[in-house]
Amino acid sequence: EGSDYEEGWRLARENKIDVVDEHYYNSV
């Protein structure tokens, strides 16, 4: 989540990027 996640997805949608690389380390 957060601004990088939101902006990255906006760029992906607008520019029809094939795939995006998601990262997260979260609690149980």
mmCIF file of all heavy atoms, coordinates in Angstrom:
data_MODEL
# 
_entry.id   MODEL 
# 
loop_
_atom_site.group_PDB 
_atom_site.id 
_atom_site.type_symbol 
_atom_site.label_atom_id 
_atom_site.label_alt_id 
_atom_site.label_comp_id 
_atom_site.label_asym_id 
_atom_site.label_entity_id 
_atom_site.label_seq_id 
_atom_site.pdbx_PDB_ins_code 
_atom_site.Cartn_x 
_atom_site.Cartn_y 
_atom_site.Cartn_z 
_atom_site.occupancy 
_atom_site.B_iso_or_equiv 
_atom_site.pdbx_formal_charge 
_atom_site.auth_seq_id 
_atom_site.auth_comp_id 
_atom_site.auth_asym_id 
_atom_site.auth_atom_id 
_atom_site.pdbx_PDB_model_num 
ATOM 1   N N   . GLU A 1 1  ? 0.851  -1.178  0.000   1.00 0.00 ? 1  GLU A N   1 
ATOM 2   C CA  . GLU A 1 1  ? 0.000  0.000   0.000   1.00 0.00 ? 1  GLU A CA  1 
ATOM 3   C C   . GLU A 1 1  ? 0.892  1.235   0.000   1.00 0.00 ? 1  GLU A C   1 
ATOM 4   O O   . GLU A 1 1  ? 2.113  1.132   0.076   1.00 0.00 ? 1  GLU A O   1 
ATOM 5   C CB  . GLU A 1 1  ? -0.907 0.009   1.239   1.00 0.00 ? 1  GLU A CB  1 
ATOM 6   C CG  . GLU A 1 1  ? -0.141 0.046   2.557   1.00 0.00 ? 1  GLU A CG  1 
ATOM 7   C CD  . GLU A 1 1  ? -1.049 0.070   3.771   1.00 0.00 ? 1  GLU A CD  1 
ATOM 8   O OE1 . GLU A 1 1  ? -2.277 0.168   3.611   1.00 0.00 ? 1  GLU A OE1 1 
ATOM 9   O OE2 . GLU A 1 1  ? -0.517 -0.009  4.901   1.00 0.00 ? 1  GLU A OE2 1 
ATOM 10  N N   . GLY A 1 2  ? 0.290  2.421   -0.083  1.00 0.00 ? 2  GLY A N   1 
ATOM 11  C CA  . GLY A 1 2  ? 1.058  3.659   -0.025  1.00 0.00 ? 2  GLY A CA  1 
ATOM 12  C C   . GLY A 1 2  ? 1.216  4.305   -1.391  1.00 0.00 ? 2  GLY A C   1 
ATOM 13  O O   . GLY A 1 2  ? 0.762  3.791   -2.415  1.00 0.00 ? 2  GLY A O   1 
ATOM 14  N N   . SER A 1 3  ? 1.899  5.443   -1.411  1.00 0.00 ? 3  SER A N   1 
ATOM 15  C CA  . SER A 1 3  ? 1.973  6.246   -2.627  1.00 0.00 ? 3  SER A CA  1 
ATOM 16  C C   . SER A 1 3  ? 2.735  5.549   -3.751  1.00 0.00 ? 3  SER A C   1 
ATOM 17  O O   . SER A 1 3  ? 2.345  5.658   -4.925  1.00 0.00 ? 3  SER A O   1 
ATOM 18  C CB  . SER A 1 3  ? 2.614  7.607   -2.319  1.00 0.00 ? 3  SER A CB  1 
ATOM 19  O OG  . SER A 1 3  ? 3.923  7.429   -1.792  1.00 0.00 ? 3  SER A OG  1 
ATOM 20  N N   . ASP A 1 4  ? 3.835  4.865   -3.443  1.00 0.00 ? 4  ASP A N   1 
ATOM 21  C CA  . ASP A 1 4  ? 4.570  4.169   -4.509  1.00 0.00 ? 4  ASP A CA  1 
ATOM 22  C C   . ASP A 1 4  ? 3.718  3.074   -5.136  1.00 0.00 ? 4  ASP A C   1 
ATOM 23  O O   . ASP A 1 4  ? 3.709  2.896   -6.362  1.00 0.00 ? 4  ASP A O   1 
ATOM 24  C CB  . ASP A 1 4  ? 5.873  3.576   -3.965  1.00 0.00 ? 4  ASP A CB  1 
ATOM 25  C CG  . ASP A 1 4  ? 6.865  4.645   -3.538  1.00 0.00 ? 4  ASP A CG  1 
ATOM 26  O OD1 . ASP A 1 4  ? 6.893  5.705   -4.181  1.00 0.00 ? 4  ASP A OD1 1 
ATOM 27  O OD2 . ASP A 1 4  ? 7.590  4.423   -2.555  1.00 0.00 ? 4  ASP A OD2 1 
ATOM 28  N N   . TYR A 1 5  ? 3.013  2.332   -4.300  1.00 0.00 ? 5  TYR A N   1 
ATOM 29  C CA  . TYR A 1 5  ? 2.113  1.285   -4.786  1.00 0.00 ? 5  TYR A CA  1 
ATOM 30  C C   . TYR A 1 5  ? 1.033  1.891   -5.684  1.00 0.00 ? 5  TYR A C   1 
ATOM 31  O O   . TYR A 1 5  ? 0.778  1.400   -6.795  1.00 0.00 ? 5  TYR A O   1 
ATOM 32  C CB  . TYR A 1 5  ? 1.497  0.564   -3.592  1.00 0.00 ? 5  TYR A CB  1 
ATOM 33  C CG  . TYR A 1 5  ? 0.416  -0.432  -3.927  1.00 0.00 ? 5  TYR A CG  1 
ATOM 34  C CD1 . TYR A 1 5  ? 0.723  -1.750  -4.260  1.00 0.00 ? 5  TYR A CD1 1 
ATOM 35  C CD2 . TYR A 1 5  ? -0.931 -0.060  -3.904  1.00 0.00 ? 5  TYR A CD2 1 
ATOM 36  C CE1 . TYR A 1 5  ? -0.275 -2.665  -4.564  1.00 0.00 ? 5  TYR A CE1 1 
ATOM 37  C CE2 . TYR A 1 5  ? -1.930 -0.965  -4.209  1.00 0.00 ? 5  TYR A CE2 1 
ATOM 38  C CZ  . TYR A 1 5  ? -1.607 -2.263  -4.530  1.00 0.00 ? 5  TYR A CZ  1 
ATOM 39  O OH  . TYR A 1 5  ? -2.589 -3.161  -4.837  1.00 0.00 ? 5  TYR A OH  1 
ATOM 40  N N   . GLU A 1 6  ? 0.414  2.965   -5.225  1.00 0.00 ? 6  GLU A N   1 
ATOM 41  C CA  . GLU A 1 6  ? -0.675 3.578   -5.987  1.00 0.00 ? 6  GLU A CA  1 
ATOM 42  C C   . GLU A 1 6  ? -0.174 4.203   -7.291  1.00 0.00 ? 6  GLU A C   1 
ATOM 43  O O   . GLU A 1 6  ? -0.792 4.038   -8.357  1.00 0.00 ? 6  GLU A O   1 
ATOM 44  C CB  . GLU A 1 6  ? -1.377 4.633   -5.128  1.00 0.00 ? 6  GLU A CB  1 
ATOM 45  C CG  . GLU A 1 6  ? -2.115 4.025   -3.937  1.00 0.00 ? 6  GLU A CG  1 
ATOM 46  C CD  . GLU A 1 6  ? -2.585 5.065   -2.938  1.00 0.00 ? 6  GLU A CD  1 
ATOM 47  O OE1 . GLU A 1 6  ? -2.366 6.275   -3.208  1.00 0.00 ? 6  GLU A OE1 1 
ATOM 48  O OE2 . GLU A 1 6  ? -3.163 4.686   -1.910  1.00 0.00 ? 6  GLU A OE2 1 
ATOM 49  N N   . GLU A 1 7  ? 0.958  4.926   -7.216  1.00 0.00 ? 7  GLU A N   1 
ATOM 50  C CA  . GLU A 1 7  ? 1.503  5.554   -8.420  1.00 0.00 ? 7  GLU A CA  1 
ATOM 51  C C   . GLU A 1 7  ? 2.034  4.515   -9.403  1.00 0.00 ? 7  GLU A C   1 
ATOM 52  O O   . GLU A 1 7  ? 1.898  4.655   -10.616 1.00 0.00 ? 7  GLU A O   1 
ATOM 53  C CB  . GLU A 1 7  ? 2.613  6.544   -8.043  1.00 0.00 ? 7  GLU A CB  1 
ATOM 54  C CG  . GLU A 1 7  ? 2.104  7.857   -7.480  1.00 0.00 ? 7  GLU A CG  1 
ATOM 55  C CD  . GLU A 1 7  ? 1.263  8.615   -8.496  1.00 0.00 ? 7  GLU A CD  1 
ATOM 56  O OE1 . GLU A 1 7  ? 1.807  8.987   -9.556  1.00 0.00 ? 7  GLU A OE1 1 
ATOM 57  O OE2 . GLU A 1 7  ? 0.061  8.811   -8.241  1.00 0.00 ? 7  GLU A OE2 1 
ATOM 58  N N   . GLY A 1 8  ? 2.662  3.464   -8.866  1.00 0.00 ? 8  GLY A N   1 
ATOM 59  C CA  . GLY A 1 8  ? 3.168  2.402   -9.732  1.00 0.00 ? 8  GLY A CA  1 
ATOM 60  C C   . GLY A 1 8  ? 2.052  1.721   -10.501 1.00 0.00 ? 8  GLY A C   1 
ATOM 61  O O   . GLY A 1 8  ? 2.176  1.442   -11.705 1.00 0.00 ? 8  GLY A O   1 
ATOM 62  N N   . TRP A 1 9  ? 0.953  1.469   -9.820  1.00 0.00 ? 9  TRP A N   1 
ATOM 63  C CA  . TRP A 1 9  ? -0.182 0.840   -10.491 1.00 0.00 ? 9  TRP A CA  1 
ATOM 64  C C   . TRP A 1 9  ? -0.834 1.797   -11.495 1.00 0.00 ? 9  TRP A C   1 
ATOM 65  O O   . TRP A 1 9  ? -1.293 1.374   -12.562 1.00 0.00 ? 9  TRP A O   1 
ATOM 66  C CB  . TRP A 1 9  ? -1.200 0.345   -9.463  1.00 0.00 ? 9  TRP A CB  1 
ATOM 67  C CG  . TRP A 1 9  ? -0.978 -1.085  -9.109  1.00 0.00 ? 9  TRP A CG  1 
ATOM 68  C CD1 . TRP A 1 9  ? -0.478 -1.595  -7.951  1.00 0.00 ? 9  TRP A CD1 1 
ATOM 69  C CD2 . TRP A 1 9  ? -1.235 -2.213  -9.954  1.00 0.00 ? 9  TRP A CD2 1 
ATOM 70  N NE1 . TRP A 1 9  ? -0.399 -2.965  -8.013  1.00 0.00 ? 9  TRP A NE1 1 
ATOM 71  C CE2 . TRP A 1 9  ? -0.866 -3.364  -9.225  1.00 0.00 ? 9  TRP A CE2 1 
ATOM 72  C CE3 . TRP A 1 9  ? -1.738 -2.358  -11.241 1.00 0.00 ? 9  TRP A CE3 1 
ATOM 73  C CZ2 . TRP A 1 9  ? -0.985 -4.652  -9.760  1.00 0.00 ? 9  TRP A CZ2 1 
ATOM 74  C CZ3 . TRP A 1 9  ? -1.856 -3.636  -11.773 1.00 0.00 ? 9  TRP A CZ3 1 
ATOM 75  C CH2 . TRP A 1 9  ? -1.487 -4.772  -11.033 1.00 0.00 ? 9  TRP A CH2 1 
ATOM 76  N N   . ARG A 1 10 ? -0.873 3.092   -11.155 1.00 0.00 ? 10 ARG A N   1 
ATOM 77  C CA  . ARG A 1 10 ? -1.428 4.056   -12.111 1.00 0.00 ? 10 ARG A CA  1 
ATOM 78  C C   . ARG A 1 10 ? -0.602 4.072   -13.395 1.00 0.00 ? 10 ARG A C   1 
ATOM 79  O O   . ARG A 1 10 ? -1.149 4.037   -14.509 1.00 0.00 ? 10 ARG A O   1 
ATOM 80  C CB  . ARG A 1 10 ? -1.458 5.453   -11.487 1.00 0.00 ? 10 ARG A CB  1 
ATOM 81  C CG  . ARG A 1 10 ? -2.071 6.518   -12.407 1.00 0.00 ? 10 ARG A CG  1 
ATOM 82  C CD  . ARG A 1 10 ? -1.971 7.898   -11.807 1.00 0.00 ? 10 ARG A CD  1 
ATOM 83  N NE  . ARG A 1 10 ? -0.590 8.349   -11.646 1.00 0.00 ? 10 ARG A NE  1 
ATOM 84  C CZ  . ARG A 1 10 ? 0.160  8.828   -12.634 1.00 0.00 ? 10 ARG A CZ  1 
ATOM 85  N NH1 . ARG A 1 10 ? -0.333 8.934   -13.866 1.00 0.00 ? 10 ARG A NH1 1 
ATOM 86  N NH2 . ARG A 1 10 ? 1.399  9.214   -12.413 1.00 0.00 ? 10 ARG A NH2 1 
ATOM 87  N N   . LEU A 1 11 ? 0.714  4.108   -13.263 1.00 0.00 ? 11 LEU A N   1 
ATOM 88  C CA  . LEU A 1 11 ? 1.590  4.082   -14.435 1.00 0.00 ? 11 LEU A CA  1 
ATOM 89  C C   . LEU A 1 11 ? 1.403  2.802   -15.239 1.00 0.00 ? 11 LEU A C   1 
ATOM 90  O O   . LEU A 1 11 ? 1.404  2.815   -16.473 1.00 0.00 ? 11 LEU A O   1 
ATOM 91  C CB  . LEU A 1 11 ? 3.049  4.214   -14.004 1.00 0.00 ? 11 LEU A CB  1 
ATOM 92  C CG  . LEU A 1 11 ? 3.507  5.577   -13.499 1.00 0.00 ? 11 LEU A CG  1 
ATOM 93  C CD1 . LEU A 1 11 ? 4.931  5.485   -12.964 1.00 0.00 ? 11 LEU A CD1 1 
ATOM 94  C CD2 . LEU A 1 11 ? 3.430  6.619   -14.605 1.00 0.00 ? 11 LEU A CD2 1 
ATOM 95  N N   . ALA A 1 12 ? 1.254  1.687   -14.529 1.00 0.00 ? 12 ALA A N   1 
ATOM 96  C CA  . ALA A 1 12 ? 1.083  0.407   -15.218 1.00 0.00 ? 12 ALA A CA  1 
ATOM 97  C C   . ALA A 1 12 ? -0.198 0.390   -16.040 1.00 0.00 ? 12 ALA A C   1 
ATOM 98  O O   . ALA A 1 12 ? -0.217 -0.058  -17.198 1.00 0.00 ? 12 ALA A O   1 
ATOM 99  C CB  . ALA A 1 12 ? 1.080  -0.725  -14.203 1.00 0.00 ? 12 ALA A CB  1 
ATOM 100 N N   . ARG A 1 13 ? -1.280 0.884   -15.441 1.00 0.00 ? 13 ARG A N   1 
ATOM 101 C CA  . ARG A 1 13 ? -2.565 0.891   -16.161 1.00 0.00 ? 13 ARG A CA  1 
ATOM 102 C C   . ARG A 1 13 ? -2.532 1.843   -17.356 1.00 0.00 ? 13 ARG A C   1 
ATOM 103 O O   . ARG A 1 13 ? -2.968 1.492   -18.459 1.00 0.00 ? 13 ARG A O   1 
ATOM 104 C CB  . ARG A 1 13 ? -3.689 1.266   -15.204 1.00 0.00 ? 13 ARG A CB  1 
ATOM 105 C CG  . ARG A 1 13 ? -4.046 0.173   -14.195 1.00 0.00 ? 13 ARG A CG  1 
ATOM 106 C CD  . ARG A 1 13 ? -5.307 0.525   -13.445 1.00 0.00 ? 13 ARG A CD  1 
ATOM 107 N NE  . ARG A 1 13 ? -5.108 1.660   -12.559 1.00 0.00 ? 13 ARG A NE  1 
ATOM 108 C CZ  . ARG A 1 13 ? -4.753 1.562   -11.275 1.00 0.00 ? 13 ARG A CZ  1 
ATOM 109 N NH1 . ARG A 1 13 ? -4.573 0.372   -10.740 1.00 0.00 ? 13 ARG A NH1 1 
ATOM 110 N NH2 . ARG A 1 13 ? -4.604 2.634   -10.538 1.00 0.00 ? 13 ARG A NH2 1 
ATOM 111 N N   . GLU A 1 14 ? -2.014 3.053   -17.129 1.00 0.00 ? 14 GLU A N   1 
ATOM 112 C CA  . GLU A 1 14 ? -2.025 4.064   -18.190 1.00 0.00 ? 14 GLU A CA  1 
ATOM 113 C C   . GLU A 1 14 ? -1.106 3.713   -19.343 1.00 0.00 ? 14 GLU A C   1 
ATOM 114 O O   . GLU A 1 14 ? -1.365 4.093   -20.492 1.00 0.00 ? 14 GLU A O   1 
ATOM 115 C CB  . GLU A 1 14 ? -1.635 5.428   -17.604 1.00 0.00 ? 14 GLU A CB  1 
ATOM 116 C CG  . GLU A 1 14 ? -2.685 6.015   -16.667 1.00 0.00 ? 14 GLU A CG  1 
ATOM 117 C CD  . GLU A 1 14 ? -2.255 7.345   -16.085 1.00 0.00 ? 14 GLU A CD  1 
ATOM 118 O OE1 . GLU A 1 14 ? -1.117 7.786   -16.371 1.00 0.00 ? 14 GLU A OE1 1 
ATOM 119 O OE2 . GLU A 1 14 ? -3.054 7.953   -15.335 1.00 0.00 ? 14 GLU A OE2 1 
ATOM 120 N N   . ASN A 1 15 ? -0.017 3.002   -19.054 1.00 0.00 ? 15 ASN A N   1 
ATOM 121 C CA  . ASN A 1 15 ? 0.968  2.690   -20.090 1.00 0.00 ? 15 ASN A CA  1 
ATOM 122 C C   . ASN A 1 15 ? 0.926  1.218   -20.533 1.00 0.00 ? 15 ASN A C   1 
ATOM 123 O O   . ASN A 1 15 ? 1.800  0.771   -21.258 1.00 0.00 ? 15 ASN A O   1 
ATOM 124 C CB  . ASN A 1 15 ? 2.366  3.044   -19.586 1.00 0.00 ? 15 ASN A CB  1 
ATOM 125 C CG  . ASN A 1 15 ? 2.535  4.537   -19.377 1.00 0.00 ? 15 ASN A CG  1 
ATOM 126 O OD1 . ASN A 1 15 ? 2.824  5.261   -20.312 1.00 0.00 ? 15 ASN A OD1 1 
ATOM 127 N ND2 . ASN A 1 15 ? 2.359  4.989   -18.142 1.00 0.00 ? 15 ASN A ND2 1 
ATOM 128 N N   . LYS A 1 16 ? -0.082 0.505   -20.049 1.00 0.00 ? 16 LYS A N   1 
ATOM 129 C CA  . LYS A 1 16 ? -0.290 -0.899  -20.436 1.00 0.00 ? 16 LYS A CA  1 
ATOM 130 C C   . LYS A 1 16 ? 0.980  -1.732  -20.255 1.00 0.00 ? 16 LYS A C   1 
ATOM 131 O O   . LYS A 1 16 ? 1.399  -2.478  -21.154 1.00 0.00 ? 16 LYS A O   1 
ATOM 132 C CB  . LYS A 1 16 ? -0.803 -0.983  -21.873 1.00 0.00 ? 16 LYS A CB  1 
ATOM 133 C CG  . LYS A 1 16 ? -2.203 -0.391  -22.055 1.00 0.00 ? 16 LYS A CG  1 
ATOM 134 C CD  . LYS A 1 16 ? -2.688 -0.520  -23.494 1.00 0.00 ? 16 LYS A CD  1 
ATOM 135 C CE  . LYS A 1 16 ? -4.158 -0.154  -23.621 1.00 0.00 ? 16 LYS A CE  1 
ATOM 136 N NZ  . LYS A 1 16 ? -4.496 1.171   -23.088 1.00 0.00 ? 16 LYS A NZ  1 
ATOM 137 N N   . ILE A 1 17 ? 1.605  -1.566  -19.088 1.00 0.00 ? 17 ILE A N   1 
ATOM 138 C CA  . ILE A 1 17 ? 2.777  -2.385  -18.741 1.00 0.00 ? 17 ILE A CA  1 
ATOM 139 C C   . ILE A 1 17 ? 2.310  -3.818  -18.509 1.00 0.00 ? 17 ILE A C   1 
ATOM 140 O O   . ILE A 1 17 ? 1.274  -4.060  -17.884 1.00 0.00 ? 17 ILE A O   1 
ATOM 141 C CB  . ILE A 1 17 ? 3.480  -1.804  -17.507 1.00 0.00 ? 17 ILE A CB  1 
ATOM 142 C CG1 . ILE A 1 17 ? 4.014  -0.401  -17.835 1.00 0.00 ? 17 ILE A CG1 1 
ATOM 143 C CG2 . ILE A 1 17 ? 4.612  -2.706  -17.036 1.00 0.00 ? 17 ILE A CG2 1 
ATOM 144 C CD1 . ILE A 1 17 ? 4.571  0.344   -16.640 1.00 0.00 ? 17 ILE A CD1 1 
ATOM 145 N N   . ASP A 1 18 ? 3.056  -4.786  -19.025 1.00 0.00 ? 18 ASP A N   1 
ATOM 146 C CA  . ASP A 1 18 ? 2.620  -6.183  -19.022 1.00 0.00 ? 18 ASP A CA  1 
ATOM 147 C C   . ASP A 1 18 ? 2.360  -6.702  -17.609 1.00 0.00 ? 18 ASP A C   1 
ATOM 148 O O   . ASP A 1 18 ? 1.310  -7.276  -17.327 1.00 0.00 ? 18 ASP A O   1 
ATOM 149 C CB  . ASP A 1 18 ? 3.682  -7.080  -19.689 1.00 0.00 ? 18 ASP A CB  1 
ATOM 150 C CG  . ASP A 1 18 ? 3.971  -6.671  -21.117 1.00 0.00 ? 18 ASP A CG  1 
ATOM 151 O OD1 . ASP A 1 18 ? 3.022  -6.353  -21.846 1.00 0.00 ? 18 ASP A OD1 1 
ATOM 152 O OD2 . ASP A 1 18 ? 5.163  -6.655  -21.503 1.00 0.00 ? 18 ASP A OD2 1 
ATOM 153 N N   . VAL A 1 19 ? 3.361  -6.531  -16.746 1.00 0.00 ? 19 VAL A N   1 
ATOM 154 C CA  . VAL A 1 19 ? 3.345  -7.121  -15.405 1.00 0.00 ? 19 VAL A CA  1 
ATOM 155 C C   . VAL A 1 19 ? 3.991  -6.135  -14.443 1.00 0.00 ? 19 VAL A C   1 
ATOM 156 O O   . VAL A 1 19 ? 4.883  -5.378  -14.845 1.00 0.00 ? 19 VAL A O   1 
ATOM 157 C CB  . VAL A 1 19 ? 4.145  -8.455  -15.371 1.00 0.00 ? 19 VAL A CB  1 
ATOM 158 C CG1 . VAL A 1 19 ? 4.009  -9.150  -14.022 1.00 0.00 ? 19 VAL A CG1 1 
ATOM 159 C CG2 . VAL A 1 19 ? 3.715  -9.387  -16.500 1.00 0.00 ? 19 VAL A CG2 1 
ATOM 160 N N   . VAL A 1 20 ? 3.567  -6.135  -13.174 1.00 0.00 ? 20 VAL A N   1 
ATOM 161 C CA  . VAL A 1 20 ? 4.286  -5.374  -12.151 1.00 0.00 ? 20 VAL A CA  1 
ATOM 162 C C   . VAL A 1 20 ? 4.744  -6.314  -11.045 1.00 0.00 ? 20 VAL A C   1 
ATOM 163 O O   . VAL A 1 20 ? 4.135  -7.355  -10.788 1.00 0.00 ? 20 VAL A O   1 
ATOM 164 C CB  . VAL A 1 20 ? 3.444  -4.231  -11.546 1.00 0.00 ? 20 VAL A CB  1 
ATOM 165 C CG1 . VAL A 1 20 ? 3.174  -3.159  -12.580 1.00 0.00 ? 20 VAL A CG1 1 
ATOM 166 C CG2 . VAL A 1 20 ? 2.158  -4.748  -10.921 1.00 0.00 ? 20 VAL A CG2 1 
ATOM 167 N N   . ASP A 1 21 ? 5.819  -5.919  -10.402 1.00 0.00 ? 21 ASP A N   1 
ATOM 168 C CA  . ASP A 1 21 ? 6.482  -6.713  -9.364  1.00 0.00 ? 21 ASP A CA  1 
ATOM 169 C C   . ASP A 1 21 ? 6.051  -6.194  -8.001  1.00 0.00 ? 21 ASP A C   1 
ATOM 170 O O   . ASP A 1 21 ? 6.457  -5.116  -7.574  1.00 0.00 ? 21 ASP A O   1 
ATOM 171 C CB  . ASP A 1 21 ? 7.997  -6.579  -9.561  1.00 0.00 ? 21 ASP A CB  1 
ATOM 172 C CG  . ASP A 1 21 ? 8.800  -7.355  -8.529  1.00 0.00 ? 21 ASP A CG  1 
ATOM 173 O OD1 . ASP A 1 21 ? 8.199  -8.109  -7.744  1.00 0.00 ? 21 ASP A OD1 1 
ATOM 174 O OD2 . ASP A 1 21 ? 10.036 -7.191  -8.521  1.00 0.00 ? 21 ASP A OD2 1 
ATOM 175 N N   . GLU A 1 22 ? 5.206  -6.961  -7.310  1.00 0.00 ? 22 GLU A N   1 
ATOM 176 C CA  . GLU A 1 22 ? 4.756  -6.567  -5.970  1.00 0.00 ? 22 GLU A CA  1 
ATOM 177 C C   . GLU A 1 22 ? 5.664  -7.169  -4.909  1.00 0.00 ? 22 GLU A C   1 
ATOM 178 O O   . GLU A 1 22 ? 6.073  -8.329  -5.014  1.00 0.00 ? 22 GLU A O   1 
ATOM 179 C CB  . GLU A 1 22 ? 3.314  -7.026  -5.736  1.00 0.00 ? 22 GLU A CB  1 
ATOM 180 C CG  . GLU A 1 22 ? 2.289  -6.259  -6.530  1.00 0.00 ? 22 GLU A CG  1 
ATOM 181 C CD  . GLU A 1 22 ? 0.871  -6.489  -6.041  1.00 0.00 ? 22 GLU A CD  1 
ATOM 182 O OE1 . GLU A 1 22 ? 0.651  -7.421  -5.226  1.00 0.00 ? 22 GLU A OE1 1 
ATOM 183 O OE2 . GLU A 1 22 ? -0.020 -5.738  -6.461  1.00 0.00 ? 22 GLU A OE2 1 
ATOM 184 N N   . HIS A 1 23 ? 5.946  -6.371  -3.870  1.00 0.00 ? 23 HIS A N   1 
ATOM 185 C CA  . HIS A 1 23 ? 6.744  -6.814  -2.732  1.00 0.00 ? 23 HIS A CA  1 
ATOM 186 C C   . HIS A 1 23 ? 5.980  -6.531  -1.447  1.00 0.00 ? 23 HIS A C   1 
ATOM 187 O O   . HIS A 1 23 ? 5.389  -5.461  -1.306  1.00 0.00 ? 23 HIS A O   1 
ATOM 188 C CB  . HIS A 1 23 ? 8.078  -6.052  -2.657  1.00 0.00 ? 23 HIS A CB  1 
ATOM 189 C CG  . HIS A 1 23 ? 9.023  -6.363  -3.764  1.00 0.00 ? 23 HIS A CG  1 
ATOM 190 N ND1 . HIS A 1 23 ? 10.314 -5.871  -3.805  1.00 0.00 ? 23 HIS A ND1 1 
ATOM 191 C CD2 . HIS A 1 23 ? 8.897  -7.115  -4.889  1.00 0.00 ? 23 HIS A CD2 1 
ATOM 192 C CE1 . HIS A 1 23 ? 10.924 -6.301  -4.896  1.00 0.00 ? 23 HIS A CE1 1 
ATOM 193 N NE2 . HIS A 1 23 ? 10.078 -7.053  -5.573  1.00 0.00 ? 23 HIS A NE2 1 
ATOM 194 N N   . TYR A 1 24 ? 6.005  -7.456  -0.523  1.00 0.00 ? 24 TYR A N   1 
ATOM 195 C CA  . TYR A 1 24 ? 5.516  -7.155  0.828   1.00 0.00 ? 24 TYR A CA  1 
ATOM 196 C C   . TYR A 1 24 ? 5.967  -8.217  1.823   1.00 0.00 ? 24 TYR A C   1 
ATOM 197 O O   . TYR A 1 24 ? 6.045  -9.394  1.511   1.00 0.00 ? 24 TYR A O   1 
ATOM 198 C CB  . TYR A 1 24 ? 3.996  -6.985  0.871   1.00 0.00 ? 24 TYR A CB  1 
ATOM 199 C CG  . TYR A 1 24 ? 3.157  -8.003  0.129   1.00 0.00 ? 24 TYR A CG  1 
ATOM 200 C CD1 . TYR A 1 24 ? 2.916  -9.276  0.647   1.00 0.00 ? 24 TYR A CD1 1 
ATOM 201 C CD2 . TYR A 1 24 ? 2.550  -7.661  -1.080  1.00 0.00 ? 24 TYR A CD2 1 
ATOM 202 C CE1 . TYR A 1 24 ? 2.109  -10.180 -0.019  1.00 0.00 ? 24 TYR A CE1 1 
ATOM 203 C CE2 . TYR A 1 24 ? 1.741  -8.559  -1.763  1.00 0.00 ? 24 TYR A CE2 1 
ATOM 204 C CZ  . TYR A 1 24 ? 1.519  -9.826  -1.226  1.00 0.00 ? 24 TYR A CZ  1 
ATOM 205 O OH  . TYR A 1 24 ? 0.731  -10.727 -1.883  1.00 0.00 ? 24 TYR A OH  1 
ATOM 206 N N   . TYR A 1 25 ? 6.298  -7.738  3.013   1.00 0.00 ? 25 TYR A N   1 
ATOM 207 C CA  . TYR A 1 25 ? 6.606  -8.587  4.168   1.00 0.00 ? 25 TYR A CA  1 
ATOM 208 C C   . TYR A 1 25 ? 5.633  -8.192  5.263   1.00 0.00 ? 25 TYR A C   1 
ATOM 209 O O   . TYR A 1 25 ? 5.651  -7.048  5.724   1.00 0.00 ? 25 TYR A O   1 
ATOM 210 C CB  . TYR A 1 25 ? 8.050  -8.378  4.635   1.00 0.00 ? 25 TYR A CB  1 
ATOM 211 C CG  . TYR A 1 25 ? 9.077  -8.852  3.636   1.00 0.00 ? 25 TYR A CG  1 
ATOM 212 C CD1 . TYR A 1 25 ? 9.547  -7.999  2.641   1.00 0.00 ? 25 TYR A CD1 1 
ATOM 213 C CD2 . TYR A 1 25 ? 9.575  -10.147 3.681   1.00 0.00 ? 25 TYR A CD2 1 
ATOM 214 C CE1 . TYR A 1 25 ? 10.479 -8.431  1.714   1.00 0.00 ? 25 TYR A CE1 1 
ATOM 215 C CE2 . TYR A 1 25 ? 10.515 -10.593 2.761   1.00 0.00 ? 25 TYR A CE2 1 
ATOM 216 C CZ  . TYR A 1 25 ? 10.962 -9.728  1.778   1.00 0.00 ? 25 TYR A CZ  1 
ATOM 217 O OH  . TYR A 1 25 ? 11.883 -10.158 0.863   1.00 0.00 ? 25 TYR A OH  1 
ATOM 218 N N   . ASN A 1 26 ? 4.775  -9.120  5.652   1.00 0.00 ? 26 ASN A N   1 
ATOM 219 C CA  . ASN A 1 26 ? 3.718  -8.781  6.595   1.00 0.00 ? 26 ASN A CA  1 
ATOM 220 C C   . ASN A 1 26 ? 3.605  -9.805  7.706   1.00 0.00 ? 26 ASN A C   1 
ATOM 221 O O   . ASN A 1 26 ? 4.175  -10.897 7.647   1.00 0.00 ? 26 ASN A O   1 
ATOM 222 C CB  . ASN A 1 26 ? 2.385  -8.646  5.849   1.00 0.00 ? 26 ASN A CB  1 
ATOM 223 C CG  . ASN A 1 26 ? 2.347  -7.423  4.947   1.00 0.00 ? 26 ASN A CG  1 
ATOM 224 O OD1 . ASN A 1 26 ? 2.746  -6.341  5.346   1.00 0.00 ? 26 ASN A OD1 1 
ATOM 225 N ND2 . ASN A 1 26 ? 1.896  -7.603  3.719   1.00 0.00 ? 26 ASN A ND2 1 
ATOM 226 N N   . SER A 1 27 ? 2.838  -9.451  8.722   1.00 0.00 ? 27 SER A N   1 
ATOM 227 C CA  . SER A 1 27 ? 2.667  -10.287 9.899   1.00 0.00 ? 27 SER A CA  1 
ATOM 228 C C   . SER A 1 27 ? 1.766  -11.480 9.594   1.00 0.00 ? 27 SER A C   1 
ATOM 229 O O   . SER A 1 27 ? 1.063  -11.517 8.577   1.00 0.00 ? 27 SER A O   1 
ATOM 230 C CB  . SER A 1 27 ? 2.042  -9.462  11.026  1.00 0.00 ? 27 SER A CB  1 
ATOM 231 O OG  . SER A 1 27 ? 0.715  -9.083  10.669  1.00 0.00 ? 27 SER A OG  1 
ATOM 232 N N   . VAL A 1 28 ? 1.772  -12.438 10.520  1.00 0.00 ? 28 VAL A N   1 
ATOM 233 C CA  . VAL A 1 28 ? 0.857  -13.579 10.412  1.00 0.00 ? 28 VAL A CA  1 
ATOM 234 C C   . VAL A 1 28 ? -0.581 -13.087 10.304  1.00 0.00 ? 28 VAL A C   1 
ATOM 235 O O   . VAL A 1 28 ? -1.363 -13.563 9.472   1.00 0.00 ? 28 VAL A O   1 
ATOM 236 C CB  . VAL A 1 28 ? 1.035  -14.500 11.641  1.00 0.00 ? 28 VAL A CB  1 
ATOM 237 C CG1 . VAL A 1 28 ? -0.120 -15.494 11.745  1.00 0.00 ? 28 VAL A CG1 1 
ATOM 238 C CG2 . VAL A 1 28 ? 2.370  -15.243 11.559  1.00 0.00 ? 28 VAL A CG2 1 
# 
